[in-house]
Amino acid sequence: MKEKAMWLLLLPLAVGVAATQTDYLPFKMAVPGLCALILLWAYQGQSAYRLDVTAIVLAFVFSLVGDYFLSNKSGNEIYFVVGIGMYFVAHLGYLAYAWRNGRVHRVVLGVLLLGYLIYYFVSLNPAIDDAVLSGAVLLYLLISCLALATAAGMTLPAEQKWLYVFGIAMVVLSDTAISFNEFLGVRTFNWLILPTYYLAHLTVSLSLLRRRQELAWQPAA
């Protein structure tokens, strides 16, 4: 039954564990891919939620493509910029879902922008020689803050909301660890990059599957 589709998340969970142990690209790309397929299957016939689900599925698909480019960059700056671009579009999907189900939490947005803009101007910008890459990083930082702040302003039931907020926060944490590694040469937090990234996909998916489950429990009109 589709209301029990959340159990299917054990599959991307297992693949994510394998990816962290092997760094095998097909495993890495399979996590967002499997989550997208599970959501598409679970929401079949729920046309009222088509735009919501499409936003998240597209976010997962663009994350998948971003995984390919970043995993194959090997010092190629173009691949890195394209990868950032793919993740930027993924954040637009996360933002669209949250915006359709709430509003921007201005206090959270202010706190995030204060912290991350200080981090960018004090640490990141001086460390990035290429102006185009530095601009791309700044835009990515801004959309990340907006996506997380909008998630915090969602009006969904508490469990669904906070699973989603946690998921987006894990994306931001993973990206922050990547920035430490790529631009500052700080590898202390590298162990966080993949686990938080996969946890993000799983908890965002779980949020939507809990929503689907509650729909299934609603009595017919």
C-alpha atoms as a PDB file:
ATOM      1  CA  MET A   1       0.000   0.000   0.000  1.00  0.00           C
ATOM      2  CA  LYS A   2       1.254   3.461  -0.904  1.00  0.00           C
ATOM      3  CA  GLU A   3       0.734   4.810   2.602  1.00  0.00           C
ATOM      4  CA  LYS A   4       3.521   2.414   3.658  1.00  0.00           C
ATOM      5  CA  ALA A   5       5.908   3.670   0.975  1.00  0.00           C
ATOM      6  CA  MET A   6       8.177   5.156   3.644  1.00  0.00           C
ATOM      7  CA  TRP A   7       9.553   1.672   4.237  1.00  0.00           C
ATOM      8  CA  LEU A   8      10.999   1.839   0.746  1.00  0.00           C
ATOM      9  CA  LEU A   9      13.397   4.490   2.057  1.00  0.00           C
ATOM     10  CA  LEU A  10      15.395   1.627   3.525  1.00  0.00           C
ATOM     11  CA  LEU A  11      16.686   1.060  -0.010  1.00  0.00           C
ATOM     12  CA  PRO A  12      18.249   4.516  -0.551  1.00  0.00           C
ATOM     13  CA  LEU A  13      19.432   4.351   3.068  1.00  0.00           C
ATOM     14  CA  ALA A  14      21.337   1.155   2.328  1.00  0.00           C
ATOM     15  CA  VAL A  15      22.706   2.580  -0.917  1.00  0.00           C
ATOM     16  CA  GLY A  16      23.768   5.739   0.910  1.00  0.00           C
ATOM     17  CA  VAL A  17      25.698   3.697   3.470  1.00  0.00           C
ATOM     18  CA  ALA A  18      27.375   1.833   0.614  1.00  0.00           C
ATOM     19  CA  ALA A  19      28.216   5.137  -1.098  1.00  0.00           C
ATOM     20  CA  THR A  20      29.898   6.542   2.009  1.00  0.00           C
ATOM     21  CA  GLN A  21      31.989   3.391   2.318  1.00  0.00           C
ATOM     22  CA  THR A  22      32.971   3.011  -1.338  1.00  0.00           C
ATOM     23  CA  ASP A  23      32.660   6.502  -2.874  1.00  0.00           C
ATOM     24  CA  TYR A  24      31.262   4.662  -5.910  1.00  0.00           C
ATOM     25  CA  LEU A  25      29.547   7.203  -8.166  1.00  0.00           C
ATOM     26  CA  PRO A  26      26.542   5.050  -9.223  1.00  0.00           C
ATOM     27  CA  PHE A  27      25.758   4.503  -5.532  1.00  0.00           C
ATOM     28  CA  LYS A  28      26.065   8.246  -4.856  1.00  0.00           C
ATOM     29  CA  MET A  29      23.741   9.145  -7.725  1.00  0.00           C
ATOM     30  CA  ALA A  30      21.289   6.387  -6.809  1.00  0.00           C
ATOM     31  CA  VAL A  31      20.318   7.940  -3.462  1.00  0.00           C
ATOM     32  CA  PRO A  32      18.487  11.019  -4.847  1.00  0.00           C
ATOM     33  CA  GLY A  33      17.338   8.968  -7.843  1.00  0.00           C
ATOM     34  CA  LEU A  34      15.674   6.313  -5.702  1.00  0.00           C
ATOM     35  CA  CYS A  35      14.094   8.933  -3.434  1.00  0.00           C
ATOM     36  CA  ALA A  36      12.621  10.661  -6.493  1.00  0.00           C
ATOM     37  CA  LEU A  37      11.157   7.399  -7.815  1.00  0.00           C
ATOM     38  CA  ILE A  38       9.657   6.533  -4.427  1.00  0.00           C
ATOM     39  CA  LEU A  39       7.905   9.907  -4.235  1.00  0.00           C
ATOM     40  CA  LEU A  40       6.573   9.613  -7.778  1.00  0.00           C
ATOM     41  CA  TRP A  41       5.139   6.182  -6.998  1.00  0.00           C
ATOM     42  CA  ALA A  42       3.696   7.207  -3.634  1.00  0.00           C
ATOM     43  CA  TYR A  43       1.884  10.261  -5.029  1.00  0.00           C
ATOM     44  CA  GLN A  44       0.404   8.612  -8.109  1.00  0.00           C
ATOM     45  CA  GLY A  45      -3.200   9.738  -8.462  1.00  0.00           C
ATOM     46  CA  GLN A  46      -2.743  12.742  -6.145  1.00  0.00           C
ATOM     47  CA  SER A  47      -3.071  15.450  -8.780  1.00  0.00           C
ATOM     48  CA  ALA A  48      -3.644  18.173  -6.169  1.00  0.00           C
ATOM     49  CA  TYR A  49      -0.066  17.697  -4.989  1.00  0.00           C
ATOM     50  CA  ARG A  50       1.542  17.389  -8.435  1.00  0.00           C
ATOM     51  CA  LEU A  51       3.406  20.711  -8.246  1.00  0.00           C
ATOM     52  CA  ASP A  52       4.668  20.035  -4.729  1.00  0.00           C
ATOM     53  CA  VAL A  53       6.012  16.605  -5.619  1.00  0.00           C
ATOM     54  CA  THR A  54       7.424  17.801  -8.933  1.00  0.00           C
ATOM     55  CA  ALA A  55       9.431  20.497  -7.148  1.00  0.00           C
ATOM     56  CA  ILE A  56      11.115  17.952  -4.881  1.00  0.00           C
ATOM     57  CA  VAL A  57      11.588  15.324  -7.588  1.00  0.00           C
ATOM     58  CA  LEU A  58      13.299  17.903  -9.804  1.00  0.00           C
ATOM     59  CA  ALA A  59      15.440  18.973  -6.850  1.00  0.00           C
ATOM     60  CA  PHE A  60      16.562  15.365  -6.450  1.00  0.00           C
ATOM     61  CA  VAL A  61      17.209  14.975 -10.188  1.00  0.00           C
ATOM     62  CA  PHE A  62      19.354  18.102 -10.356  1.00  0.00           C
ATOM     63  CA  SER A  63      21.189  16.941  -7.225  1.00  0.00           C
ATOM     64  CA  LEU A  64      21.887  13.672  -9.013  1.00  0.00           C
ATOM     65  CA  VAL A  65      23.354  15.526 -11.999  1.00  0.00           C
ATOM     66  CA  GLY A  66      25.358  17.748  -9.648  1.00  0.00           C
ATOM     67  CA  ASP A  67      26.801  14.616  -8.031  1.00  0.00           C
ATOM     68  CA  TYR A  68      28.087  13.515 -11.431  1.00  0.00           C
ATOM     69  CA  PHE A  69      29.862  16.777 -12.196  1.00  0.00           C
ATOM     70  CA  LEU A  70      31.393  17.256  -8.759  1.00  0.00           C
ATOM     71  CA  SER A  71      32.547  13.650  -8.570  1.00  0.00           C
ATOM     72  CA  ASN A  72      34.257  13.980 -11.962  1.00  0.00           C
ATOM     73  CA  LYS A  73      35.690  17.483 -11.635  1.00  0.00           C
ATOM     74  CA  SER A  74      39.318  16.337 -11.012  1.00  0.00           C
ATOM     75  CA  GLY A  75      40.526  19.925 -10.874  1.00  0.00           C
ATOM     76  CA  ASN A  76      38.277  21.002 -13.771  1.00  0.00           C
ATOM     77  CA  GLU A  77      36.797  24.341 -12.688  1.00  0.00           C
ATOM     78  CA  ILE A  78      34.048  24.173 -15.337  1.00  0.00           C
ATOM     79  CA  TYR A  79      32.762  20.902 -13.890  1.00  0.00           C
ATOM     80  CA  PHE A  80      32.806  22.454 -10.428  1.00  0.00           C
ATOM     81  CA  VAL A  81      30.830  25.512 -11.558  1.00  0.00           C
ATOM     82  CA  VAL A  82      28.315  23.314 -13.425  1.00  0.00           C
ATOM     83  CA  GLY A  83      27.961  21.150 -10.318  1.00  0.00           C
ATOM     84  CA  ILE A  84      27.247  24.220  -8.205  1.00  0.00           C
ATOM     85  CA  GLY A  85      24.716  25.292 -10.836  1.00  0.00           C
ATOM     86  CA  MET A  86      22.910  21.960 -10.609  1.00  0.00           C
ATOM     87  CA  TYR A  87      22.722  22.181  -6.828  1.00  0.00           C
ATOM     88  CA  PHE A  88      21.540  25.791  -7.152  1.00  0.00           C
ATOM     89  CA  VAL A  89      18.578  24.617  -9.245  1.00  0.00           C
ATOM     90  CA  ALA A  90      17.961  21.847  -6.703  1.00  0.00           C
ATOM     91  CA  HIS A  91      17.673  24.526  -4.013  1.00  0.00           C
ATOM     92  CA  LEU A  92      15.106  26.308  -6.173  1.00  0.00           C
ATOM     93  CA  GLY A  93      13.040  23.118  -6.030  1.00  0.00           C
ATOM     94  CA  TYR A  94      13.354  22.919  -2.245  1.00  0.00           C
ATOM     95  CA  LEU A  95      12.445  26.601  -2.035  1.00  0.00           C
ATOM     96  CA  ALA A  96       9.418  26.185  -4.309  1.00  0.00           C
ATOM     97  CA  TYR A  97       8.002  23.371  -2.161  1.00  0.00           C
ATOM     98  CA  ALA A  98       8.456  25.344   1.057  1.00  0.00           C
ATOM     99  CA  TRP A  99       7.038  28.525  -0.493  1.00  0.00           C
ATOM    100  CA  ARG A 100       3.915  26.689  -1.638  1.00  0.00           C
ATOM    101  CA  ASN A 101       3.376  25.536   1.935  1.00  0.00           C
ATOM    102  CA  GLY A 102       4.223  28.616   3.980  1.00  0.00           C
ATOM    103  CA  ARG A 103       6.294  31.784   3.919  1.00  0.00           C
ATOM    104  CA  VAL A 104       9.801  33.048   4.604  1.00  0.00           C
ATOM    105  CA  HIS A 105      10.732  33.080   8.279  1.00  0.00           C
ATOM    106  CA  ARG A 106      12.354  36.519   8.393  1.00  0.00           C
ATOM    107  CA  VAL A 107      14.170  36.069  11.696  1.00  0.00           C
ATOM    108  CA  VAL A 108      15.746  32.808  10.543  1.00  0.00           C
ATOM    109  CA  LEU A 109      16.648  34.395   7.214  1.00  0.00           C
ATOM    110  CA  GLY A 110      18.301  37.338   8.964  1.00  0.00           C
ATOM    111  CA  VAL A 111      20.356  35.106  11.249  1.00  0.00           C
ATOM    112  CA  LEU A 112      21.441  32.855   8.372  1.00  0.00           C
ATOM    113  CA  LEU A 113      22.394  35.763   6.122  1.00  0.00           C
ATOM    114  CA  LEU A 114      24.333  37.460   8.897  1.00  0.00           C
ATOM    115  CA  GLY A 115      26.381  34.353   9.619  1.00  0.00           C
ATOM    116  CA  TYR A 116      26.955  33.185   6.055  1.00  0.00           C
ATOM    117  CA  LEU A 117      27.669  36.600   4.554  1.00  0.00           C
ATOM    118  CA  ILE A 118      30.314  37.173   7.209  1.00  0.00           C
ATOM    119  CA  TYR A 119      31.743  33.744   6.370  1.00  0.00           C
ATOM    120  CA  TYR A 120      31.732  34.570   2.661  1.00  0.00           C
ATOM    121  CA  PHE A 121      33.323  38.030   2.824  1.00  0.00           C
ATOM    122  CA  VAL A 122      35.833  37.204   5.558  1.00  0.00           C
ATOM    123  CA  SER A 123      36.877  33.700   4.486  1.00  0.00           C
ATOM    124  CA  LEU A 124      35.544  32.478   1.140  1.00  0.00           C
ATOM    125  CA  ASN A 125      35.837  35.493  -1.145  1.00  0.00           C
ATOM    126  CA  PRO A 126      39.504  36.185  -0.314  1.00  0.00           C
ATOM    127  CA  ALA A 127      40.296  32.504  -0.922  1.00  0.00           C
ATOM    128  CA  ILE A 128      38.675  32.328  -4.398  1.00  0.00           C
ATOM    129  CA  ASP A 129      40.754  33.881  -7.155  1.00  0.00           C
ATOM    130  CA  ASP A 130      38.216  33.548  -9.966  1.00  0.00           C
ATOM    131  CA  ALA A 131      35.536  36.277  -9.860  1.00  0.00           C
ATOM    132  CA  VAL A 132      32.946  34.166 -11.713  1.00  0.00           C
ATOM    133  CA  LEU A 133      33.375  31.255  -9.322  1.00  0.00           C
ATOM    134  CA  SER A 134      33.233  33.587  -6.329  1.00  0.00           C
ATOM    135  CA  GLY A 135      29.996  35.103  -7.641  1.00  0.00           C
ATOM    136  CA  ALA A 136      28.512  31.649  -8.185  1.00  0.00           C
ATOM    137  CA  VAL A 137      29.403  30.697  -4.623  1.00  0.00           C
ATOM    138  CA  LEU A 138      27.734  33.857  -3.300  1.00  0.00           C
ATOM    139  CA  LEU A 139      24.527  33.201  -5.251  1.00  0.00           C
ATOM    140  CA  TYR A 140      24.504  29.618  -4.037  1.00  0.00           C
ATOM    141  CA  LEU A 141      24.972  30.790  -0.467  1.00  0.00           C
ATOM    142  CA  LEU A 142      22.045  33.203  -0.775  1.00  0.00           C
ATOM    143  CA  ILE A 143      19.635  30.637  -2.236  1.00  0.00           C
ATOM    144  CA  SER A 144      20.654  28.129   0.432  1.00  0.00           C
ATOM    145  CA  CYS A 145      19.823  30.604   3.204  1.00  0.00           C
ATOM    146  CA  LEU A 146      16.503  31.498   1.565  1.00  0.00           C
ATOM    147  CA  ALA A 147      15.521  27.843   1.105  1.00  0.00           C
ATOM    148  CA  LEU A 148      16.233  27.020   4.753  1.00  0.00           C
ATOM    149  CA  ALA A 149      14.482  30.145   6.049  1.00  0.00           C
ATOM    150  CA  THR A 150      11.409  29.384   3.933  1.00  0.00           C
ATOM    151  CA  ALA A 151      11.377  25.810   5.203  1.00  0.00           C
ATOM    152  CA  ALA A 152      11.365  27.227   8.748  1.00  0.00           C
ATOM    153  CA  GLY A 153       8.280  29.283   7.830  1.00  0.00           C
ATOM    154  CA  MET A 154       6.213  26.366   6.531  1.00  0.00           C
ATOM    155  CA  THR A 155       2.714  25.863   7.921  1.00  0.00           C
ATOM    156  CA  LEU A 156       2.549  22.086   7.545  1.00  0.00           C
ATOM    157  CA  PRO A 157       1.901  19.836  10.565  1.00  0.00           C
ATOM    158  CA  ALA A 158       4.844  19.851  12.971  1.00  0.00           C
ATOM    159  CA  GLU A 159       6.305  16.446  12.117  1.00  0.00           C
ATOM    160  CA  GLN A 160       6.235  17.078   8.369  1.00  0.00           C
ATOM    161  CA  LYS A 161       7.625  20.582   8.772  1.00  0.00           C
ATOM    162  CA  TRP A 162      10.528  19.741  11.042  1.00  0.00           C
ATOM    163  CA  LEU A 163      11.556  16.695   9.033  1.00  0.00           C
ATOM    164  CA  TYR A 164      11.732  18.999   6.028  1.00  0.00           C
ATOM    165  CA  VAL A 165      13.577  21.748   7.909  1.00  0.00           C
ATOM    166  CA  PHE A 166      16.073  19.187   9.183  1.00  0.00           C
ATOM    167  CA  GLY A 167      16.590  17.876   5.657  1.00  0.00           C
ATOM    168  CA  ILE A 168      17.335  21.311   4.197  1.00  0.00           C
ATOM    169  CA  ALA A 169      19.574  22.100   7.164  1.00  0.00           C
ATOM    170  CA  MET A 170      21.547  18.931   6.387  1.00  0.00           C
ATOM    171  CA  VAL A 171      22.011  20.105   2.781  1.00  0.00           C
ATOM    172  CA  VAL A 172      23.348  23.438   4.034  1.00  0.00           C
ATOM    173  CA  LEU A 173      25.641  21.695   6.530  1.00  0.00           C
ATOM    174  CA  SER A 174      26.984  19.390   3.813  1.00  0.00           C
ATOM    175  CA  ASP A 175      27.603  22.352   1.503  1.00  0.00           C
ATOM    176  CA  THR A 176      29.373  24.226   4.280  1.00  0.00           C
ATOM    177  CA  ALA A 177      31.703  21.294   4.865  1.00  0.00           C
ATOM    178  CA  ILE A 178      32.388  21.180   1.109  1.00  0.00           C
ATOM    179  CA  SER A 179      33.273  24.889   1.113  1.00  0.00           C
ATOM    180  CA  PHE A 180      35.757  24.354   3.942  1.00  0.00           C
ATOM    181  CA  ASN A 181      37.420  21.607   1.928  1.00  0.00           C
ATOM    182  CA  GLU A 182      37.330  23.137  -1.554  1.00  0.00           C
ATOM    183  CA  PHE A 183      38.178  26.763  -0.808  1.00  0.00           C
ATOM    184  CA  LEU A 184      39.894  26.871   2.580  1.00  0.00           C
ATOM    185  CA  GLY A 185      41.763  23.575   2.504  1.00  0.00           C
ATOM    186  CA  VAL A 186      40.197  22.553   5.820  1.00  0.00           C
ATOM    187  CA  ARG A 187      39.452  18.825   5.699  1.00  0.00           C
ATOM    188  CA  THR A 188      38.408  18.399   9.326  1.00  0.00           C
ATOM    189  CA  PHE A 189      34.740  18.197   8.395  1.00  0.00           C
ATOM    190  CA  ASN A 190      35.003  16.054   5.259  1.00  0.00           C
ATOM    191  CA  TRP A 191      33.482  13.098   7.070  1.00  0.00           C
ATOM    192  CA  LEU A 192      30.232  15.080   7.323  1.00  0.00           C
ATOM    193  CA  ILE A 193      29.792  15.758   3.610  1.00  0.00           C
ATOM    194  CA  LEU A 194      28.193  12.541   2.363  1.00  0.00           C
ATOM    195  CA  PRO A 195      26.273  11.393   5.489  1.00  0.00           C
ATOM    196  CA  THR A 196      24.532  14.754   5.884  1.00  0.00           C
ATOM    197  CA  TYR A 197      23.815  14.947   2.157  1.00  0.00           C
ATOM    198  CA  TYR A 198      22.143  11.536   2.079  1.00  0.00           C
ATOM    199  CA  LEU A 199      20.347  12.199   5.357  1.00  0.00           C
ATOM    200  CA  ALA A 200      18.916  15.326   3.725  1.00  0.00           C
ATOM    201  CA  HIS A 201      17.354  13.343   0.870  1.00  0.00           C
ATOM    202  CA  LEU A 202      15.979  10.741   3.238  1.00  0.00           C
ATOM    203  CA  THR A 203      14.379  13.174   5.681  1.00  0.00           C
ATOM    204  CA  VAL A 204      12.916  15.405   2.959  1.00  0.00           C
ATOM    205  CA  SER A 205      11.451  12.266   1.371  1.00  0.00           C
ATOM    206  CA  LEU A 206      10.173  11.064   4.733  1.00  0.00           C
ATOM    207  CA  SER A 207       8.437  14.413   5.275  1.00  0.00           C
ATOM    208  CA  LEU A 208       6.563  14.061   1.991  1.00  0.00           C
ATOM    209  CA  LEU A 209       5.761  10.402   2.624  1.00  0.00           C
ATOM    210  CA  ARG A 210       4.316  11.236   6.048  1.00  0.00           C
ATOM    211  CA  ARG A 211       2.151  13.794   4.279  1.00  0.00           C
ATOM    212  CA  ARG A 212       1.036  11.128   1.817  1.00  0.00           C
ATOM    213  CA  GLN A 213       0.304   8.741   4.657  1.00  0.00           C
ATOM    214  CA  GLU A 214      -1.921  11.285   6.392  1.00  0.00           C
ATOM    215  CA  LEU A 215      -3.804  11.825   3.132  1.00  0.00           C
ATOM    216  CA  ALA A 216      -4.474   8.100   2.961  1.00  0.00           C
ATOM    217  CA  TRP A 217      -5.916   8.179   6.468  1.00  0.00           C
ATOM    218  CA  GLN A 218      -8.360  10.987   5.696  1.00  0.00           C
ATOM    219  CA  PRO A 219     -11.957   9.808   5.283  1.00  0.00           C
ATOM    220  CA  ALA A 220     -13.431  10.062   1.814  1.00  0.00           C
ATOM    221  CA  ALA A 221     -15.613  13.117   1.228  1.00  0.00           C
END
